[in-house]
N, C-alpha and C. Protein backbone atom coordinates (compact mmCIF):
# COMPACT_ATOMS: atom_id res chain seq x y z
N MET A 1 -73.11 -32.23 -6.83
CA MET A 1 -72.06 -31.85 -5.80
C MET A 1 -70.78 -31.30 -6.45
N SER A 2 -70.39 -30.64 -5.95
CA SER A 2 -68.98 -29.98 -6.65
C SER A 2 -67.95 -30.62 -5.44
N PRO A 3 -66.73 -30.99 -6.12
CA PRO A 3 -65.94 -31.70 -5.42
C PRO A 3 -65.37 -30.65 -4.12
N SER A 4 -65.34 -29.43 -3.79
CA SER A 4 -65.26 -28.88 -2.72
C SER A 4 -66.45 -29.05 -1.53
N HIS A 5 -67.58 -29.62 -1.97
CA HIS A 5 -68.19 -29.86 -0.71
C HIS A 5 -68.41 -31.56 -0.70
N GLU A 6 -67.68 -32.31 -1.29
CA GLU A 6 -67.48 -33.56 -0.64
C GLU A 6 -66.80 -33.91 1.00
N PRO A 7 -67.15 -34.90 1.56
CA PRO A 7 -66.77 -35.38 2.79
C PRO A 7 -65.18 -35.25 2.67
N PRO A 8 -64.45 -34.87 3.63
CA PRO A 8 -62.84 -34.61 3.32
C PRO A 8 -62.69 -35.99 3.40
N GLY A 9 -62.84 -37.21 3.89
CA GLY A 9 -62.19 -38.47 3.80
C GLY A 9 -62.56 -39.23 2.52
N LEU A 10 -63.28 -38.64 1.54
CA LEU A 10 -63.56 -39.35 0.46
C LEU A 10 -62.28 -39.76 -0.47
N THR A 11 -61.17 -38.69 -0.36
CA THR A 11 -60.04 -39.21 -1.15
C THR A 11 -59.19 -39.85 -0.31
N ALA A 12 -58.99 -39.39 0.94
CA ALA A 12 -58.17 -40.11 1.74
C ALA A 12 -58.43 -42.01 1.75
N GLY A 13 -60.00 -41.82 1.93
CA GLY A 13 -60.24 -43.25 1.86
C GLY A 13 -60.49 -44.21 0.62
N ALA A 14 -60.56 -43.54 -0.43
CA ALA A 14 -60.60 -44.05 -1.84
C ALA A 14 -59.04 -44.75 -1.92
N ILE A 15 -58.08 -43.60 -1.59
CA ILE A 15 -56.66 -44.17 -1.91
C ILE A 15 -56.62 -45.29 -0.75
N ALA A 16 -56.53 -45.35 0.21
CA ALA A 16 -56.25 -46.10 1.15
C ALA A 16 -56.85 -47.61 0.86
N ASP A 17 -58.26 -47.57 0.44
CA ASP A 17 -58.72 -48.74 -0.31
C ASP A 17 -57.94 -49.40 -1.68
N THR A 18 -57.53 -48.30 -2.21
CA THR A 18 -56.99 -48.73 -3.55
C THR A 18 -55.66 -49.40 -3.29
N ARG A 19 -54.74 -48.88 -2.05
CA ARG A 19 -53.68 -49.31 -1.99
C ARG A 19 -53.89 -50.71 -0.94
N ARG A 20 -54.53 -50.86 -0.47
CA ARG A 20 -54.85 -52.06 0.49
C ARG A 20 -55.26 -53.53 -0.94
N TRP A 21 -55.87 -53.01 -1.66
CA TRP A 21 -56.40 -53.95 -2.90
C TRP A 21 -54.90 -54.00 -3.46
N LEU A 22 -54.10 -53.13 -3.67
CA LEU A 22 -52.96 -53.06 -4.80
C LEU A 22 -51.95 -54.24 -3.81
N GLU A 23 -51.75 -53.87 -2.38
CA GLU A 23 -51.01 -54.77 -1.71
C GLU A 23 -51.30 -56.24 -1.50
N ARG A 24 -52.52 -56.48 -1.13
CA ARG A 24 -53.57 -57.36 -0.84
C ARG A 24 -53.21 -58.59 -2.12
N ALA A 25 -54.09 -57.48 -2.96
CA ALA A 25 -54.67 -58.89 -4.38
C ALA A 25 -53.23 -58.54 -5.75
N VAL A 26 -53.40 -57.19 -5.75
CA VAL A 26 -52.68 -57.28 -7.10
C VAL A 26 -51.23 -57.78 -6.84
N ILE A 27 -50.51 -57.09 -5.88
CA ILE A 27 -49.06 -57.83 -5.52
C ILE A 27 -49.15 -58.78 -4.38
N GLY A 28 -49.96 -58.96 -3.77
CA GLY A 28 -50.04 -60.09 -2.75
C GLY A 28 -50.48 -61.45 -3.39
N LEU A 29 -51.19 -61.35 -4.63
CA LEU A 29 -51.47 -62.81 -5.07
C LEU A 29 -50.21 -62.70 -6.43
N ASN A 30 -49.78 -61.40 -6.67
CA ASN A 30 -48.88 -61.65 -7.59
C ASN A 30 -49.63 -61.67 -9.34
N LEU A 31 -50.73 -60.97 -9.13
CA LEU A 31 -51.69 -60.86 -10.49
C LEU A 31 -50.67 -59.94 -11.36
N CYS A 32 -50.13 -59.00 -11.11
CA CYS A 32 -49.33 -58.12 -12.18
C CYS A 32 -47.47 -58.13 -11.39
N PRO A 33 -46.94 -58.66 -11.82
CA PRO A 33 -45.33 -59.12 -11.65
C PRO A 33 -44.78 -57.83 -11.56
N PHE A 34 -45.46 -56.98 -11.96
CA PHE A 34 -44.51 -55.65 -12.60
C PHE A 34 -45.20 -54.57 -11.40
N ALA A 35 -46.09 -54.85 -10.35
CA ALA A 35 -47.01 -53.54 -9.93
C ALA A 35 -45.92 -53.46 -8.75
N LYS A 36 -45.29 -54.34 -8.14
CA LYS A 36 -44.15 -53.96 -7.14
C LYS A 36 -43.29 -53.32 -7.03
N ALA A 37 -42.16 -53.30 -7.99
CA ALA A 37 -41.35 -52.39 -8.06
C ALA A 37 -41.75 -50.71 -7.67
N PRO A 38 -42.84 -50.41 -8.81
CA PRO A 38 -43.08 -48.76 -8.35
C PRO A 38 -43.90 -48.43 -7.15
N HIS A 39 -44.35 -49.76 -6.60
CA HIS A 39 -45.06 -49.41 -5.05
C HIS A 39 -44.09 -49.25 -4.15
N VAL A 40 -43.08 -50.08 -4.29
CA VAL A 40 -42.04 -49.76 -2.96
C VAL A 40 -41.67 -48.52 -3.32
N LYS A 41 -41.02 -48.26 -4.56
CA LYS A 41 -40.60 -46.79 -4.92
C LYS A 41 -41.30 -45.82 -4.81
N GLY A 42 -42.49 -45.86 -4.43
CA GLY A 42 -43.52 -44.68 -4.20
C GLY A 42 -43.79 -43.72 -5.63
N GLN A 43 -43.80 -44.71 -6.56
CA GLN A 43 -43.76 -44.17 -8.14
C GLN A 43 -44.93 -44.16 -8.57
N ILE A 44 -46.32 -44.56 -7.68
CA ILE A 44 -47.57 -44.66 -8.23
C ILE A 44 -48.23 -43.40 -7.79
N HIS A 45 -48.82 -42.69 -8.85
CA HIS A 45 -49.35 -41.52 -8.21
C HIS A 45 -51.17 -41.82 -8.26
N TYR A 46 -51.71 -41.79 -7.16
CA TYR A 46 -53.16 -41.92 -6.69
C TYR A 46 -53.99 -40.62 -7.09
N ALA A 47 -54.75 -40.53 -8.07
CA ALA A 47 -55.46 -39.33 -8.38
C ALA A 47 -57.11 -39.91 -8.14
N VAL A 48 -57.65 -39.22 -7.20
CA VAL A 48 -59.05 -39.46 -7.02
C VAL A 48 -60.12 -38.18 -7.61
N PHE A 49 -61.01 -39.02 -8.49
CA PHE A 49 -61.95 -37.91 -9.04
C PHE A 49 -63.04 -38.28 -7.83
N GLU A 50 -63.79 -36.91 -7.69
CA GLU A 50 -64.63 -36.98 -6.27
C GLU A 50 -65.93 -36.69 -6.60
N GLY A 51 -66.10 -36.74 -8.32
CA GLY A 51 -67.62 -36.63 -8.68
C GLY A 51 -68.36 -37.41 -9.24
N ALA A 52 -69.27 -37.18 -9.79
CA ALA A 52 -70.11 -38.67 -10.84
C ALA A 52 -70.04 -38.59 -11.84
N GLU A 53 -69.97 -37.15 -12.43
CA GLU A 53 -70.49 -37.06 -14.08
C GLU A 53 -69.15 -37.60 -14.99
N PRO A 54 -69.29 -38.48 -16.03
CA PRO A 54 -68.13 -39.17 -16.70
C PRO A 54 -67.62 -38.17 -17.56
N ALA A 55 -68.29 -36.90 -17.88
CA ALA A 55 -67.57 -35.63 -18.81
C ALA A 55 -66.29 -35.10 -17.85
N ALA A 56 -66.80 -34.96 -16.52
CA ALA A 56 -65.76 -34.44 -15.70
C ALA A 56 -64.59 -35.17 -15.60
N LEU A 57 -65.02 -36.65 -15.66
CA LEU A 57 -64.20 -37.58 -15.20
C LEU A 57 -63.21 -37.61 -16.32
N LEU A 58 -63.71 -37.54 -17.52
CA LEU A 58 -63.10 -37.41 -18.80
C LEU A 58 -61.73 -36.33 -18.75
N ALA A 59 -62.31 -35.42 -18.27
CA ALA A 59 -61.59 -34.10 -18.09
C ALA A 59 -60.63 -34.35 -17.38
N MET A 60 -60.70 -34.96 -15.88
CA MET A 60 -59.71 -34.96 -15.08
C MET A 60 -58.79 -36.22 -15.89
N LEU A 61 -59.24 -37.01 -16.43
CA LEU A 61 -58.23 -38.30 -17.27
C LEU A 61 -57.32 -37.25 -18.36
N ARG A 62 -57.73 -36.39 -18.84
CA ARG A 62 -56.99 -35.43 -19.92
C ARG A 62 -55.89 -35.17 -19.11
N THR A 63 -56.10 -34.41 -18.16
CA THR A 63 -54.95 -33.59 -17.13
C THR A 63 -54.06 -34.73 -16.83
N GLU A 64 -54.52 -35.85 -16.22
CA GLU A 64 -53.92 -36.94 -15.60
C GLU A 64 -53.14 -37.57 -16.88
N LEU A 65 -53.25 -37.61 -17.69
CA LEU A 65 -52.71 -38.41 -19.10
C LEU A 65 -51.62 -37.06 -19.37
N GLN A 66 -51.85 -36.15 -19.72
CA GLN A 66 -50.85 -34.94 -19.97
C GLN A 66 -49.62 -34.90 -18.93
N THR A 67 -50.15 -35.10 -17.41
CA THR A 67 -48.95 -34.92 -16.45
C THR A 67 -48.41 -35.87 -16.31
N LEU A 68 -49.15 -37.35 -16.41
CA LEU A 68 -47.82 -38.53 -16.65
C LEU A 68 -47.12 -38.72 -17.70
N ALA A 69 -47.37 -38.22 -18.83
CA ALA A 69 -46.50 -38.04 -20.14
C ALA A 69 -45.52 -37.22 -19.95
N ALA A 70 -45.73 -35.84 -19.07
CA ALA A 70 -44.79 -34.92 -18.84
C ALA A 70 -43.86 -35.32 -17.90
N ALA A 71 -44.26 -36.09 -16.93
CA ALA A 71 -43.23 -36.55 -15.58
C ALA A 71 -42.21 -37.27 -15.75
N ASP A 72 -41.17 -37.13 -14.81
CA ASP A 72 -39.94 -38.07 -14.81
C ASP A 72 -40.35 -39.32 -14.29
N PRO A 73 -40.24 -40.44 -15.15
CA PRO A 73 -40.89 -41.81 -14.52
C PRO A 73 -39.82 -42.20 -13.42
N GLU A 74 -38.68 -41.68 -12.77
CA GLU A 74 -38.46 -42.04 -11.78
C GLU A 74 -39.21 -41.71 -10.40
N ALA A 75 -39.96 -40.35 -10.93
CA ALA A 75 -40.50 -39.61 -9.57
C ALA A 75 -42.04 -40.39 -9.84
N ARG A 76 -42.40 -40.27 -11.25
CA ARG A 76 -44.06 -40.97 -11.45
C ARG A 76 -43.86 -41.63 -12.76
N GLU A 77 -44.05 -43.04 -11.89
CA GLU A 77 -43.97 -44.29 -13.25
C GLU A 77 -45.51 -44.63 -13.59
N THR A 78 -46.70 -44.34 -12.81
CA THR A 78 -47.77 -45.09 -13.29
C THR A 78 -48.87 -44.14 -12.34
N THR A 79 -50.04 -43.92 -12.93
CA THR A 79 -51.17 -43.22 -12.22
C THR A 79 -52.39 -44.33 -11.81
N LEU A 80 -53.01 -44.38 -11.08
CA LEU A 80 -54.25 -44.66 -10.86
C LEU A 80 -55.22 -43.64 -10.52
N LEU A 81 -55.98 -43.63 -11.50
CA LEU A 81 -57.26 -42.70 -11.48
C LEU A 81 -58.31 -43.14 -10.83
N ILE A 82 -58.84 -42.83 -9.51
CA ILE A 82 -60.09 -43.74 -8.98
C ILE A 82 -61.00 -43.01 -8.70
N ALA A 83 -62.33 -43.55 -9.15
CA ALA A 83 -63.84 -42.64 -9.24
C ALA A 83 -64.40 -43.16 -8.38
N PRO A 84 -64.69 -43.00 -7.01
CA PRO A 84 -65.15 -43.88 -6.03
C PRO A 84 -66.73 -43.68 -6.15
N ARG A 85 -67.40 -42.50 -6.94
CA ARG A 85 -68.63 -41.99 -7.12
C ARG A 85 -69.03 -41.63 -8.48
N ALA A 86 -68.33 -42.71 -9.32
CA ALA A 86 -68.60 -42.41 -10.81
C ALA A 86 -68.70 -43.81 -11.41
N LEU A 87 -69.65 -44.07 -12.41
CA LEU A 87 -70.06 -45.00 -13.17
C LEU A 87 -70.10 -46.31 -12.38
N PRO A 88 -71.00 -46.85 -11.26
CA PRO A 88 -71.12 -47.86 -10.65
C PRO A 88 -71.39 -48.87 -11.22
N ASP A 89 -72.20 -48.57 -12.30
CA ASP A 89 -72.69 -49.57 -13.12
C ASP A 89 -71.45 -50.29 -14.38
N PHE A 90 -71.06 -51.11 -14.38
CA PHE A 90 -69.91 -51.88 -15.14
C PHE A 90 -70.06 -51.59 -16.58
N LEU A 91 -71.28 -51.52 -17.52
CA LEU A 91 -71.41 -51.24 -18.85
C LEU A 91 -71.30 -49.82 -18.93
N ASP A 92 -72.04 -48.81 -17.96
CA ASP A 92 -71.60 -47.78 -18.56
C ASP A 92 -70.07 -47.28 -18.10
N PHE A 93 -69.36 -47.54 -17.52
CA PHE A 93 -67.89 -47.59 -17.22
C PHE A 93 -67.05 -48.34 -18.71
N ASN A 94 -67.65 -49.19 -18.88
CA ASN A 94 -67.12 -50.00 -20.38
C ASN A 94 -67.16 -49.01 -21.29
N ASP A 95 -68.37 -48.27 -21.68
CA ASP A 95 -68.83 -47.43 -22.67
C ASP A 95 -67.80 -46.28 -22.52
N LEU A 96 -67.34 -45.87 -21.40
CA LEU A 96 -66.43 -45.05 -21.26
C LEU A 96 -65.05 -44.94 -21.60
N LEU A 97 -64.51 -46.29 -21.80
CA LEU A 97 -63.33 -46.97 -22.00
C LEU A 97 -62.99 -46.39 -23.06
N ASP A 98 -64.10 -46.32 -24.42
CA ASP A 98 -63.93 -46.22 -26.06
C ASP A 98 -63.50 -44.13 -26.08
N GLN A 99 -64.25 -43.66 -25.08
CA GLN A 99 -63.89 -42.04 -24.82
C GLN A 99 -62.64 -41.92 -24.46
N ALA A 100 -61.97 -43.00 -23.34
CA ALA A 100 -60.82 -42.84 -22.88
C ALA A 100 -59.95 -43.03 -24.20
N ASP A 101 -59.99 -43.90 -24.60
CA ASP A 101 -59.17 -44.74 -25.88
C ASP A 101 -58.87 -43.19 -26.81
N ALA A 102 -60.21 -42.98 -27.10
CA ALA A 102 -60.47 -41.74 -28.12
C ALA A 102 -59.38 -40.38 -27.52
N LEU A 103 -59.49 -40.16 -26.60
CA LEU A 103 -58.66 -39.41 -25.77
C LEU A 103 -57.05 -39.46 -25.83
N LEU A 104 -56.71 -40.62 -25.88
CA LEU A 104 -55.40 -40.86 -25.76
C LEU A 104 -54.95 -40.65 -26.95
N ALA A 105 -55.99 -40.81 -28.38
CA ALA A 105 -55.37 -40.57 -29.55
C ALA A 105 -55.25 -39.26 -29.91
N GLU A 106 -56.43 -38.28 -29.24
CA GLU A 106 -56.61 -37.14 -29.43
C GLU A 106 -55.24 -36.63 -29.01
N LEU A 107 -54.83 -36.76 -27.80
CA LEU A 107 -53.75 -35.70 -27.24
C LEU A 107 -52.53 -36.59 -27.84
N GLY A 108 -52.45 -37.52 -28.90
CA GLY A 108 -51.20 -38.07 -29.52
C GLY A 108 -50.33 -38.97 -28.84
N LEU A 109 -51.03 -39.43 -27.55
CA LEU A 109 -50.65 -40.37 -26.66
C LEU A 109 -50.45 -41.69 -26.55
N GLU A 110 -51.37 -42.31 -27.66
CA GLU A 110 -51.02 -43.73 -28.32
C GLU A 110 -49.46 -43.91 -28.59
N GLY A 111 -49.33 -45.30 -27.77
CA GLY A 111 -47.97 -45.60 -28.30
C GLY A 111 -46.97 -45.02 -26.98
N THR A 112 -47.49 -44.28 -26.26
CA THR A 112 -46.53 -43.78 -25.00
C THR A 112 -47.45 -44.08 -23.66
N LEU A 113 -48.82 -43.81 -23.81
CA LEU A 113 -49.58 -44.33 -22.79
C LEU A 113 -50.68 -45.26 -22.96
N GLN A 114 -50.81 -46.04 -21.74
CA GLN A 114 -52.30 -47.40 -22.07
C GLN A 114 -53.26 -46.94 -20.95
N ILE A 115 -54.49 -47.16 -21.25
CA ILE A 115 -55.23 -47.48 -19.92
C ILE A 115 -55.64 -48.64 -19.68
N ALA A 116 -55.30 -48.79 -18.62
CA ALA A 116 -55.90 -50.66 -18.26
C ALA A 116 -57.26 -50.26 -17.14
N PRO A 117 -58.46 -50.65 -17.88
CA PRO A 117 -59.46 -50.57 -16.74
C PRO A 117 -59.51 -51.71 -15.66
N PHE A 118 -60.19 -51.26 -14.41
CA PHE A 118 -60.58 -52.15 -13.05
C PHE A 118 -61.79 -51.44 -12.73
N HIS A 119 -62.93 -52.28 -11.89
CA HIS A 119 -64.18 -51.59 -11.70
C HIS A 119 -64.53 -52.76 -10.65
N PRO A 120 -65.34 -52.44 -9.88
CA PRO A 120 -65.94 -53.66 -8.81
C PRO A 120 -66.91 -54.59 -9.29
N ARG A 121 -67.20 -54.44 -10.39
CA ARG A 121 -67.90 -55.48 -11.04
C ARG A 121 -67.55 -55.46 -12.43
N PHE A 122 -66.37 -55.66 -12.57
CA PHE A 122 -65.60 -55.91 -13.84
C PHE A 122 -66.04 -57.34 -14.32
N GLN A 123 -66.26 -57.35 -15.52
CA GLN A 123 -67.04 -58.83 -16.06
C GLN A 123 -66.25 -59.05 -17.83
N PHE A 124 -65.35 -60.03 -17.74
CA PHE A 124 -65.06 -60.41 -19.10
C PHE A 124 -65.91 -60.72 -19.91
N ALA A 125 -65.81 -60.68 -21.07
CA ALA A 125 -67.01 -60.98 -22.19
C ALA A 125 -66.74 -62.55 -22.24
N GLY A 126 -68.20 -63.12 -22.32
CA GLY A 126 -68.35 -64.48 -22.17
C GLY A 126 -68.05 -65.17 -20.58
N THR A 127 -68.09 -64.22 -19.78
CA THR A 127 -68.04 -64.93 -18.43
C THR A 127 -69.52 -64.35 -17.70
N ALA A 128 -69.55 -65.30 -16.55
CA ALA A 128 -70.52 -64.88 -15.56
C ALA A 128 -70.47 -63.96 -14.72
N GLU A 129 -71.17 -63.30 -14.28
CA GLU A 129 -70.87 -62.42 -13.38
C GLU A 129 -70.41 -62.29 -12.17
N ASP A 130 -70.67 -63.67 -11.85
CA ASP A 130 -69.93 -64.47 -10.24
C ASP A 130 -68.63 -65.20 -10.71
N ASP A 131 -68.25 -65.19 -12.09
CA ASP A 131 -67.19 -65.74 -12.28
C ASP A 131 -65.67 -65.36 -11.73
N ILE A 132 -65.41 -65.99 -10.55
CA ILE A 132 -64.07 -65.93 -10.17
C ILE A 132 -62.80 -64.81 -10.95
N THR A 133 -62.65 -65.37 -11.98
CA THR A 133 -61.54 -64.72 -12.82
C THR A 133 -62.11 -63.57 -13.14
N ASN A 134 -63.13 -62.81 -13.13
CA ASN A 134 -63.41 -61.59 -13.34
C ASN A 134 -62.58 -60.89 -12.15
N ALA A 135 -62.11 -61.29 -11.08
CA ALA A 135 -61.50 -60.69 -9.97
C ALA A 135 -59.99 -59.92 -10.34
N THR A 136 -59.78 -60.54 -11.63
CA THR A 136 -58.16 -59.74 -12.10
C THR A 136 -58.48 -58.56 -12.04
N ASN A 137 -59.16 -58.13 -12.42
CA ASN A 137 -59.67 -56.62 -12.85
C ASN A 137 -61.00 -56.29 -12.18
N ARG A 138 -61.01 -56.49 -10.75
CA ARG A 138 -61.98 -55.99 -9.73
C ARG A 138 -61.13 -55.26 -8.84
N ALA A 139 -61.62 -53.76 -8.58
CA ALA A 139 -60.80 -53.13 -7.55
C ALA A 139 -62.27 -52.72 -6.89
N PRO A 140 -62.07 -51.80 -5.61
CA PRO A 140 -63.06 -51.42 -4.83
C PRO A 140 -63.49 -50.17 -5.62
N TYR A 141 -63.28 -49.67 -6.51
CA TYR A 141 -63.83 -48.53 -7.21
C TYR A 141 -63.26 -48.58 -8.91
N PRO A 142 -64.28 -47.91 -9.58
CA PRO A 142 -64.13 -47.78 -10.98
C PRO A 142 -62.80 -46.92 -10.80
N THR A 143 -61.82 -47.45 -11.71
CA THR A 143 -60.15 -47.27 -11.71
C THR A 143 -59.63 -47.22 -13.00
N LEU A 144 -59.12 -46.24 -13.41
CA LEU A 144 -58.35 -46.36 -14.71
C LEU A 144 -56.62 -46.20 -14.31
N HIS A 145 -56.33 -47.33 -14.82
CA HIS A 145 -54.41 -47.07 -14.65
C HIS A 145 -53.91 -46.94 -15.80
N LEU A 146 -53.30 -45.74 -15.69
CA LEU A 146 -52.64 -44.81 -16.74
C LEU A 146 -51.03 -45.29 -16.74
N ILE A 147 -50.56 -46.24 -17.80
CA ILE A 147 -49.70 -47.01 -17.79
C ILE A 147 -48.83 -46.35 -18.76
N ARG A 148 -47.40 -46.16 -18.49
CA ARG A 148 -46.18 -46.03 -19.85
C ARG A 148 -46.03 -47.12 -20.45
N GLU A 149 -45.93 -46.80 -21.85
CA GLU A 149 -45.50 -48.18 -23.04
C GLU A 149 -44.23 -48.42 -22.51
N ALA A 150 -43.34 -47.67 -22.54
CA ALA A 150 -41.71 -47.90 -22.28
C ALA A 150 -41.98 -48.66 -20.97
N SER A 151 -42.75 -48.56 -19.72
CA SER A 151 -42.37 -49.39 -18.71
C SER A 151 -43.11 -50.92 -18.76
N ILE A 152 -44.15 -51.18 -19.96
CA ILE A 152 -44.46 -52.24 -20.39
C ILE A 152 -43.51 -53.07 -20.95
N ASP A 153 -43.04 -52.53 -21.93
CA ASP A 153 -41.90 -52.79 -22.66
C ASP A 153 -40.52 -53.62 -21.83
N ARG A 154 -40.41 -52.54 -21.08
CA ARG A 154 -38.94 -53.33 -19.73
C ARG A 154 -39.17 -54.31 -19.38
N ALA A 155 -40.91 -54.46 -18.56
CA ALA A 155 -41.13 -55.43 -17.88
C ALA A 155 -41.43 -56.80 -18.82
N VAL A 156 -41.78 -56.74 -20.02
CA VAL A 156 -41.95 -57.68 -20.80
C VAL A 156 -40.64 -58.14 -21.01
N ALA A 157 -39.77 -57.34 -21.28
CA ALA A 157 -38.17 -57.93 -21.37
C ALA A 157 -37.32 -58.53 -20.31
N ALA A 158 -37.87 -58.49 -19.56
CA ALA A 158 -37.32 -58.31 -17.70
C ALA A 158 -38.01 -59.87 -17.78
N PHE A 159 -39.46 -59.96 -18.00
CA PHE A 159 -40.17 -61.11 -17.78
C PHE A 159 -40.69 -61.86 -19.18
N PRO A 160 -39.83 -62.77 -19.58
CA PRO A 160 -39.77 -63.20 -21.10
C PRO A 160 -41.36 -63.65 -21.42
N GLU A 161 -41.84 -64.21 -20.19
CA GLU A 161 -42.86 -65.44 -20.41
C GLU A 161 -44.27 -64.62 -20.12
N ALA A 162 -44.24 -63.13 -20.38
CA ALA A 162 -45.36 -62.09 -19.90
C ALA A 162 -46.58 -62.62 -20.20
N GLU A 163 -46.71 -63.34 -21.59
CA GLU A 163 -47.77 -63.93 -22.07
C GLU A 163 -48.79 -65.07 -21.01
N THR A 164 -47.61 -65.64 -20.31
CA THR A 164 -48.75 -66.09 -19.26
C THR A 164 -49.05 -65.80 -18.20
N ILE A 165 -49.07 -64.51 -18.23
CA ILE A 165 -49.58 -64.13 -16.76
C ILE A 165 -51.13 -64.18 -16.77
N TYR A 166 -51.94 -63.76 -17.98
CA TYR A 166 -53.27 -64.15 -17.78
C TYR A 166 -53.61 -65.41 -17.57
N GLU A 167 -53.24 -66.43 -17.98
CA GLU A 167 -53.50 -67.99 -17.68
C GLU A 167 -53.02 -68.21 -16.04
N THR A 168 -51.88 -67.82 -15.77
CA THR A 168 -51.63 -67.54 -14.18
C THR A 168 -52.60 -67.34 -13.30
N ASN A 169 -52.90 -66.11 -13.93
CA ASN A 169 -53.92 -65.28 -13.05
C ASN A 169 -55.66 -66.13 -12.95
N MET A 170 -55.74 -66.53 -13.93
CA MET A 170 -56.98 -67.42 -14.26
C MET A 170 -56.78 -68.44 -13.09
N ALA A 171 -55.38 -69.23 -13.03
CA ALA A 171 -55.34 -70.40 -12.32
C ALA A 171 -55.67 -70.28 -10.56
N THR A 172 -54.44 -68.98 -10.44
CA THR A 172 -54.64 -68.41 -8.91
C THR A 172 -56.02 -68.30 -8.76
N LEU A 173 -56.80 -67.42 -9.36
CA LEU A 173 -58.25 -67.14 -8.68
C LEU A 173 -59.08 -68.25 -8.61
N GLU A 174 -58.80 -69.15 -9.79
CA GLU A 174 -59.81 -70.39 -9.54
C GLU A 174 -59.00 -70.90 -8.21
N ARG A 175 -58.05 -71.43 -7.74
CA ARG A 175 -57.57 -71.83 -6.74
C ARG A 175 -58.18 -71.33 -5.42
N LEU A 176 -58.10 -69.88 -5.48
CA LEU A 176 -58.45 -69.22 -4.33
C LEU A 176 -60.01 -68.97 -4.03
N GLY A 177 -60.82 -68.94 -5.11
CA GLY A 177 -62.26 -69.16 -4.96
C GLY A 177 -62.94 -67.53 -4.35
N PRO A 178 -64.17 -68.14 -4.46
CA PRO A 178 -64.79 -66.71 -4.11
C PRO A 178 -64.82 -66.47 -2.62
N ASP A 179 -64.65 -67.45 -1.84
CA ASP A 179 -64.36 -67.42 -0.17
C ASP A 179 -63.00 -66.62 -0.10
N GLY A 180 -61.78 -67.11 -0.69
CA GLY A 180 -60.56 -66.65 -0.89
C GLY A 180 -60.41 -65.53 -1.07
N TRP A 181 -61.00 -64.80 -2.02
CA TRP A 181 -60.99 -63.60 -2.94
C TRP A 181 -62.04 -62.34 -1.62
N ALA A 182 -62.97 -63.30 -1.06
CA ALA A 182 -63.80 -62.03 -0.17
C ALA A 182 -62.64 -62.18 1.39
N ALA A 183 -61.78 -63.15 1.57
CA ALA A 183 -61.15 -63.32 2.76
C ALA A 183 -60.11 -62.05 2.50
N LEU A 184 -59.90 -61.65 1.32
CA LEU A 184 -58.45 -60.71 1.47
C LEU A 184 -59.07 -59.29 1.67
N ASP A 185 -60.53 -59.09 1.95
CA ASP A 185 -61.33 -57.73 2.36
C ASP A 185 -60.31 -56.52 1.66
N VAL A 186 -60.68 -56.54 0.28
CA VAL A 186 -60.63 -55.40 -0.46
C VAL A 186 -61.29 -54.68 -1.12
N GLY A 187 -62.59 -54.76 -0.70
CA GLY A 187 -63.33 -53.74 -0.82
C GLY A 187 -63.56 -52.70 -0.37
N PRO A 188 -64.55 -51.84 -0.84
CA PRO A 188 -64.39 -50.23 -0.51
C PRO A 188 -64.94 -50.37 1.12
N GLY A 189 -63.82 -49.33 1.44
CA GLY A 189 -64.31 -49.32 3.18
C GLY A 189 -63.51 -50.62 4.07
N ALA A 190 -62.88 -51.32 3.19
CA ALA A 190 -61.86 -52.35 4.00
C ALA A 190 -60.61 -51.76 4.69
N ALA A 191 -60.12 -50.43 4.12
CA ALA A 191 -59.03 -50.10 5.08
C ALA A 191 -59.26 -49.00 6.47
N GLY A 192 -60.58 -49.21 6.55
CA GLY A 192 -61.30 -48.41 7.75
C GLY A 192 -61.53 -47.08 7.15
N HIS A 193 -61.79 -46.56 5.95
CA HIS A 193 -62.34 -45.41 5.75
C HIS A 193 -64.02 -45.83 4.97
N THR A 194 -64.70 -44.64 5.22
CA THR A 194 -66.00 -44.88 4.73
C THR A 194 -66.21 -43.76 3.70
N PRO A 195 -65.90 -44.16 2.25
CA PRO A 195 -65.73 -43.21 1.16
C PRO A 195 -66.91 -42.90 0.83
């Protein structure tokens, strides 16, 4: 099905759900202390891939990487590329990440941009599928976060204990537990849309 035949609410719903996750989980739990400023300033670009084919997702990723690299950081600090219908299986999504990194290199953007993965079934190596710590990288939909390296450098300089973020996140999620995570209500359709 081509994007022109998708239900009109797919993009709006995916963005609403992703914003809700960003506000309630990422910012609300302070999982990323650097996320609040670009959110408040309106510098996060939300791009929605409405298809299902990985090759087409990579084509859109190419465009979004090039667009972000060329954009004024004051207008567009970062991009969330959301794929509500693509790669529902985490292992397939994980396989795509190698191709995404290769694309970054092909475009000559290594050292300029990074790609951080988020997925509803994200699972760190060596953890059980239901381990609550996997929630740090769980989003309502498969999502590629395109980040400027310069932004990371500035954030780390402003937050000298950046290396403690991972451990702090694990402790936060362990305290929250599965019921607390579920109570955040940050899954698909949580914002009142049905993608």
